[in-house]
C-alpha atoms as a PDB file:
ATOM      1  CA  UNK A   1       2.727  25.267 -23.249  1.00  0.00           C
ATOM      2  CA  UNK A   2      -0.169  22.889 -23.986  1.00  0.00           C
ATOM      3  CA  UNK A   3       0.197  19.343 -22.728  1.00  0.00           C
ATOM      4  CA  UNK A   4       0.217  17.095 -25.787  1.00  0.00           C
ATOM      5  CA  UNK A   5       0.776  13.341 -25.795  1.00  0.00           C
ATOM      6  CA  UNK A   6       4.218  12.653 -27.217  1.00  0.00           C
ATOM      7  CA  UNK A   7       3.736   9.037 -28.247  1.00  0.00           C
ATOM      8  CA  UNK A   8       4.127   5.614 -26.778  1.00  0.00           C
ATOM      9  CA  UNK A   9       6.994   3.255 -26.084  1.00  0.00           C
ATOM     10  CA  UNK A  10       5.599  -0.211 -26.828  1.00  0.00           C
ATOM     11  CA  UNK A  11       2.776  -1.864 -28.711  1.00  0.00           C
ATOM     12  CA  UNK A  12      -0.234  -3.389 -26.999  1.00  0.00           C
ATOM     13  CA  UNK A  13      -2.770  -2.306 -24.399  1.00  0.00           C
ATOM     14  CA  UNK A  14      -0.171  -1.545 -21.708  1.00  0.00           C
ATOM     15  CA  UNK A  15       1.828   0.979 -23.711  1.00  0.00           C
ATOM     16  CA  UNK A  16       3.051   4.058 -21.923  1.00  0.00           C
ATOM     17  CA  UNK A  17       1.299   7.355 -22.567  1.00  0.00           C
ATOM     18  CA  UNK A  18       3.426  10.490 -22.141  1.00  0.00           C
ATOM     19  CA  UNK A  19       2.336  14.022 -21.341  1.00  0.00           C
ATOM     20  CA  UNK A  20       4.032  17.258 -20.437  1.00  0.00           C
ATOM     21  CA  UNK A  21       2.913  19.852 -17.926  1.00  0.00           C
ATOM     22  CA  UNK A  22       0.646  19.867 -14.913  1.00  0.00           C
ATOM     23  CA  UNK A  23      -2.517  20.789 -16.813  1.00  0.00           C
ATOM     24  CA  UNK A  24      -5.291  18.233 -16.263  1.00  0.00           C
ATOM     25  CA  UNK A  25      -3.054  16.120 -14.012  1.00  0.00           C
ATOM     26  CA  UNK A  26      -5.977  14.618 -12.066  1.00  0.00           C
ATOM     27  CA  UNK A  27      -7.875  13.764 -15.246  1.00  0.00           C
ATOM     28  CA  UNK A  28      -4.876  12.040 -16.782  1.00  0.00           C
ATOM     29  CA  UNK A  29      -4.312   9.966 -13.663  1.00  0.00           C
ATOM     30  CA  UNK A  30      -7.986   8.978 -13.479  1.00  0.00           C
ATOM     31  CA  UNK A  31      -8.015   7.949 -17.137  1.00  0.00           C
ATOM     32  CA  UNK A  32      -4.812   5.951 -16.665  1.00  0.00           C
ATOM     33  CA  UNK A  33      -6.413   4.022 -13.800  1.00  0.00           C
ATOM     34  CA  UNK A  34      -9.649   3.370 -15.691  1.00  0.00           C
ATOM     35  CA  UNK A  35      -7.921   2.389 -18.938  1.00  0.00           C
ATOM     36  CA  UNK A  36      -5.147   0.385 -17.277  1.00  0.00           C
ATOM     37  CA  UNK A  37      -2.454   2.204 -19.264  1.00  0.00           C
ATOM     38  CA  UNK A  38       0.654   3.561 -17.553  1.00  0.00           C
ATOM     39  CA  UNK A  39       1.262   7.286 -17.836  1.00  0.00           C
ATOM     40  CA  UNK A  40       4.338   9.449 -17.475  1.00  0.00           C
ATOM     41  CA  UNK A  41       3.959  13.178 -16.992  1.00  0.00           C
ATOM     42  CA  UNK A  42       7.138  15.228 -17.440  1.00  0.00           C
ATOM     43  CA  UNK A  43       8.033  18.910 -17.195  1.00  0.00           C
ATOM     44  CA  UNK A  44       5.686  19.629 -14.286  1.00  0.00           C
ATOM     45  CA  UNK A  45       6.216  23.319 -13.555  1.00  0.00           C
ATOM     46  CA  UNK A  46       9.939  23.169 -14.443  1.00  0.00           C
ATOM     47  CA  UNK A  47      10.369  26.942 -14.691  1.00  0.00           C
ATOM     48  CA  UNK A  48       8.456  27.906 -11.544  1.00  0.00           C
ATOM     49  CA  UNK A  49      10.162  29.385  -8.535  1.00  0.00           C
ATOM     50  CA  UNK A  50       9.061  26.206  -6.719  1.00  0.00           C
ATOM     51  CA  UNK A  51       9.227  23.544  -9.490  1.00  0.00           C
ATOM     52  CA  UNK A  52       7.469  20.191  -9.489  1.00  0.00           C
ATOM     53  CA  UNK A  53       4.261  18.799  -8.107  1.00  0.00           C
ATOM     54  CA  UNK A  54       2.536  20.407  -5.151  1.00  0.00           C
ATOM     55  CA  UNK A  55       1.748  18.853  -1.775  1.00  0.00           C
ATOM     56  CA  UNK A  56      -1.923  18.345  -2.667  1.00  0.00           C
ATOM     57  CA  UNK A  57      -0.954  16.510  -5.877  1.00  0.00           C
ATOM     58  CA  UNK A  58       1.336  14.172  -3.920  1.00  0.00           C
ATOM     59  CA  UNK A  59      -1.498  13.616  -1.455  1.00  0.00           C
ATOM     60  CA  UNK A  60      -3.823  12.742  -4.351  1.00  0.00           C
ATOM     61  CA  UNK A  61      -1.300  10.253  -5.757  1.00  0.00           C
ATOM     62  CA  UNK A  62      -1.080   8.557  -2.347  1.00  0.00           C
ATOM     63  CA  UNK A  63      -4.875   8.399  -2.202  1.00  0.00           C
ATOM     64  CA  UNK A  64      -4.967   6.701  -5.614  1.00  0.00           C
ATOM     65  CA  UNK A  65      -2.452   4.142  -4.358  1.00  0.00           C
ATOM     66  CA  UNK A  66      -4.647   3.514  -1.335  1.00  0.00           C
ATOM     67  CA  UNK A  67      -7.882   2.821  -3.248  1.00  0.00           C
ATOM     68  CA  UNK A  68      -6.173   0.533  -5.741  1.00  0.00           C
ATOM     69  CA  UNK A  69      -4.126  -2.632  -5.556  1.00  0.00           C
ATOM     70  CA  UNK A  70      -0.833  -2.835  -7.421  1.00  0.00           C
ATOM     71  CA  UNK A  71      -0.665   0.798  -8.505  1.00  0.00           C
ATOM     72  CA  UNK A  72       2.898   2.087  -8.638  1.00  0.00           C
ATOM     73  CA  UNK A  73       3.698   5.787  -8.384  1.00  0.00           C
ATOM     74  CA  UNK A  74       7.182   7.159  -8.945  1.00  0.00           C
ATOM     75  CA  UNK A  75       8.076  10.805  -8.484  1.00  0.00           C
ATOM     76  CA  UNK A  76      11.533  11.932  -9.549  1.00  0.00           C
ATOM     77  CA  UNK A  77      13.869  13.733  -7.163  1.00  0.00           C
ATOM     78  CA  UNK A  78      12.917  17.247  -8.329  1.00  0.00           C
ATOM     79  CA  UNK A  79       9.192  16.423  -8.500  1.00  0.00           C
ATOM     80  CA  UNK A  80       8.989  17.507 -12.138  1.00  0.00           C
ATOM     81  CA  UNK A  81       8.171  14.024 -13.422  1.00  0.00           C
ATOM     82  CA  UNK A  82       5.543  11.487 -12.315  1.00  0.00           C
ATOM     83  CA  UNK A  83       5.084   7.908 -13.482  1.00  0.00           C
ATOM     84  CA  UNK A  84       1.931   5.945 -12.652  1.00  0.00           C
ATOM     85  CA  UNK A  85       1.518   2.262 -13.482  1.00  0.00           C
ATOM     86  CA  UNK A  86      -2.129   1.499 -12.739  1.00  0.00           C
ATOM     87  CA  UNK A  87      -3.275  -1.463 -10.735  1.00  0.00           C
ATOM     88  CA  UNK A  88      -6.791  -2.684  -9.994  1.00  0.00           C
ATOM     89  CA  UNK A  89      -9.310  -0.255  -8.513  1.00  0.00           C
ATOM     90  CA  UNK A  90     -10.360  -1.966  -5.302  1.00  0.00           C
ATOM     91  CA  UNK A  91     -12.241   0.696  -3.328  1.00  0.00           C
ATOM     92  CA  UNK A  92     -12.923  -0.158   0.302  1.00  0.00           C
ATOM     93  CA  UNK A  93     -13.008   1.988   3.427  1.00  0.00           C
ATOM     94  CA  UNK A  94     -10.217   4.534   3.894  1.00  0.00           C
ATOM     95  CA  UNK A  95      -9.438   7.749   5.740  1.00  0.00           C
ATOM     96  CA  UNK A  96      -7.536  10.516   3.979  1.00  0.00           C
ATOM     97  CA  UNK A  97      -6.325  13.816   5.382  1.00  0.00           C
ATOM     98  CA  UNK A  98      -6.294  16.487   2.700  1.00  0.00           C
ATOM     99  CA  UNK A  99      -3.664  19.229   2.965  1.00  0.00           C
ATOM    100  CA  UNK A 100      -4.984  22.692   3.699  1.00  0.00           C
ATOM    101  CA  UNK A 101      -3.679  23.966   0.353  1.00  0.00           C
ATOM    102  CA  UNK A 102      -6.763  22.485  -1.400  1.00  0.00           C
ATOM    103  CA  UNK A 103     -10.293  21.745  -0.313  1.00  0.00           C
ATOM    104  CA  UNK A 104     -11.850  18.301  -0.094  1.00  0.00           C
ATOM    105  CA  UNK A 105     -13.779  19.028  -3.309  1.00  0.00           C
ATOM    106  CA  UNK A 106     -10.526  18.973  -5.319  1.00  0.00           C
ATOM    107  CA  UNK A 107      -9.954  15.376  -4.189  1.00  0.00           C
ATOM    108  CA  UNK A 108     -13.598  14.353  -4.349  1.00  0.00           C
ATOM    109  CA  UNK A 109     -14.217  15.212  -8.023  1.00  0.00           C
ATOM    110  CA  UNK A 110     -11.882  12.529  -9.441  1.00  0.00           C
ATOM    111  CA  UNK A 111     -12.913  10.032  -6.749  1.00  0.00           C
ATOM    112  CA  UNK A 112     -16.522  10.321  -7.880  1.00  0.00           C
ATOM    113  CA  UNK A 113     -15.364   9.455 -11.395  1.00  0.00           C
ATOM    114  CA  UNK A 114     -13.403   6.418 -10.148  1.00  0.00           C
ATOM    115  CA  UNK A 115     -15.966   5.070  -7.659  1.00  0.00           C
ATOM    116  CA  UNK A 116     -18.162   3.208 -10.205  1.00  0.00           C
ATOM    117  CA  UNK A 117     -15.096   1.298 -11.453  1.00  0.00           C
ATOM    118  CA  UNK A 118     -14.031   0.003  -8.024  1.00  0.00           C
ATOM    119  CA  UNK A 119     -14.537  -3.677  -7.216  1.00  0.00           C
ATOM    120  CA  UNK A 120     -15.906  -2.878  -3.758  1.00  0.00           C
ATOM    121  CA  UNK A 121     -17.881   0.013  -2.384  1.00  0.00           C
ATOM    122  CA  UNK A 122     -15.714   3.121  -1.938  1.00  0.00           C
ATOM    123  CA  UNK A 123     -16.113   4.626   1.534  1.00  0.00           C
ATOM    124  CA  UNK A 124     -13.702   7.455   2.221  1.00  0.00           C
ATOM    125  CA  UNK A 125     -13.579   9.663   5.268  1.00  0.00           C
ATOM    126  CA  UNK A 126     -11.868  12.848   4.184  1.00  0.00           C
ATOM    127  CA  UNK A 127     -10.521  15.326   6.687  1.00  0.00           C
ATOM    128  CA  UNK A 128      -9.799  18.882   5.627  1.00  0.00           C
ATOM    129  CA  UNK A 129     -11.441  22.111   4.569  1.00  0.00           C
ATOM    130  CA  UNK A 130     -14.747  21.854   2.713  1.00  0.00           C
ATOM    131  CA  UNK A 131     -14.458  25.037   0.664  1.00  0.00           C
ATOM    132  CA  UNK A 132     -11.605  27.317  -0.303  1.00  0.00           C
ATOM    133  CA  UNK A 133     -12.934  29.596  -3.039  1.00  0.00           C
ATOM    134  CA  UNK A 134     -10.847  27.841  -5.733  1.00  0.00           C
ATOM    135  CA  UNK A 135     -12.534  24.460  -5.989  1.00  0.00           C
ATOM    136  CA  UNK A 136     -16.100  23.235  -5.945  1.00  0.00           C
ATOM    137  CA  UNK A 137     -17.343  22.917  -2.394  1.00  0.00           C
ATOM    138  CA  UNK A 138     -18.434  19.582  -0.988  1.00  0.00           C
ATOM    139  CA  UNK A 139     -22.036  20.824  -0.814  1.00  0.00           C
ATOM    140  CA  UNK A 140     -21.961  21.848  -4.480  1.00  0.00           C
ATOM    141  CA  UNK A 141     -20.697  18.425  -5.511  1.00  0.00           C
ATOM    142  CA  UNK A 142     -23.323  16.697  -3.378  1.00  0.00           C
ATOM    143  CA  UNK A 143     -26.241  18.638  -4.852  1.00  0.00           C
ATOM    144  CA  UNK A 144     -25.118  18.961  -8.482  1.00  0.00           C
ATOM    145  CA  UNK A 145     -22.910  15.984  -9.334  1.00  0.00           C
ATOM    146  CA  UNK A 146     -24.218  13.112  -7.228  1.00  0.00           C
ATOM    147  CA  UNK A 147     -27.722  12.984  -8.753  1.00  0.00           C
ATOM    148  CA  UNK A 148     -26.206  12.680 -12.244  1.00  0.00           C
ATOM    149  CA  UNK A 149     -23.706  10.036 -11.164  1.00  0.00           C
ATOM    150  CA  UNK A 150     -26.610   7.953  -9.870  1.00  0.00           C
ATOM    151  CA  UNK A 151     -27.902   7.608 -13.438  1.00  0.00           C
ATOM    152  CA  UNK A 152     -24.932   5.377 -14.281  1.00  0.00           C
ATOM    153  CA  UNK A 153     -25.308   2.986 -11.357  1.00  0.00           C
ATOM    154  CA  UNK A 154     -27.470  -0.110 -10.956  1.00  0.00           C
ATOM    155  CA  UNK A 155     -28.487   0.917  -7.435  1.00  0.00           C
ATOM    156  CA  UNK A 156     -28.189   4.693  -7.021  1.00  0.00           C
ATOM    157  CA  UNK A 157     -29.830   4.548  -3.581  1.00  0.00           C
ATOM    158  CA  UNK A 158     -26.461   3.471  -2.164  1.00  0.00           C
ATOM    159  CA  UNK A 159     -24.846   6.688  -3.392  1.00  0.00           C
ATOM    160  CA  UNK A 160     -24.298   9.034  -0.497  1.00  0.00           C
ATOM    161  CA  UNK A 161     -22.092  11.945   0.506  1.00  0.00           C
ATOM    162  CA  UNK A 162     -22.233  13.052   4.120  1.00  0.00           C
ATOM    163  CA  UNK A 163     -20.579  16.173   5.450  1.00  0.00           C
ATOM    164  CA  UNK A 164     -19.836  16.223   9.158  1.00  0.00           C
ATOM    165  CA  UNK A 165     -17.965  18.698  11.225  1.00  0.00           C
ATOM    166  CA  UNK A 166     -15.418  17.158  13.521  1.00  0.00           C
ATOM    167  CA  UNK A 167     -14.822  18.988  16.744  1.00  0.00           C
ATOM    168  CA  UNK A 168     -11.181  19.365  17.666  1.00  0.00           C
END
């Protein structure tokens, strides 16, 4: 079933936007943070054998809370509904451990879209796997996406993505 907005609840710039389904979940959350409009996403995999949001999606929601100030995330008991009330994108230095179910690239794509809107420089140390065959690898994002993102910044020389292997 396609995810179609089903309307809003109040008038004004803070009106709630509703969606159904897990399709484009990251994009919807990013746009909610940039636009400052709260979003509610219902019917997230309700008919699956394991319904609701996945561990990597919960991890991403927690990361969004960390890089912003005042963002509220509510997940219902079954995990089939998520509400996000956006706060201010702050940025700053953070460390995030990505679950092994998704590579770092899955988390990095939306962060690259949010970074120019943060009040402070966004410095994130991400721990996890760099490639999994499903998502763009960290090296692919560094060589293909970063040069284009630099076109939108006043000082693109500060744009950097380093990949380091940590020894256990």
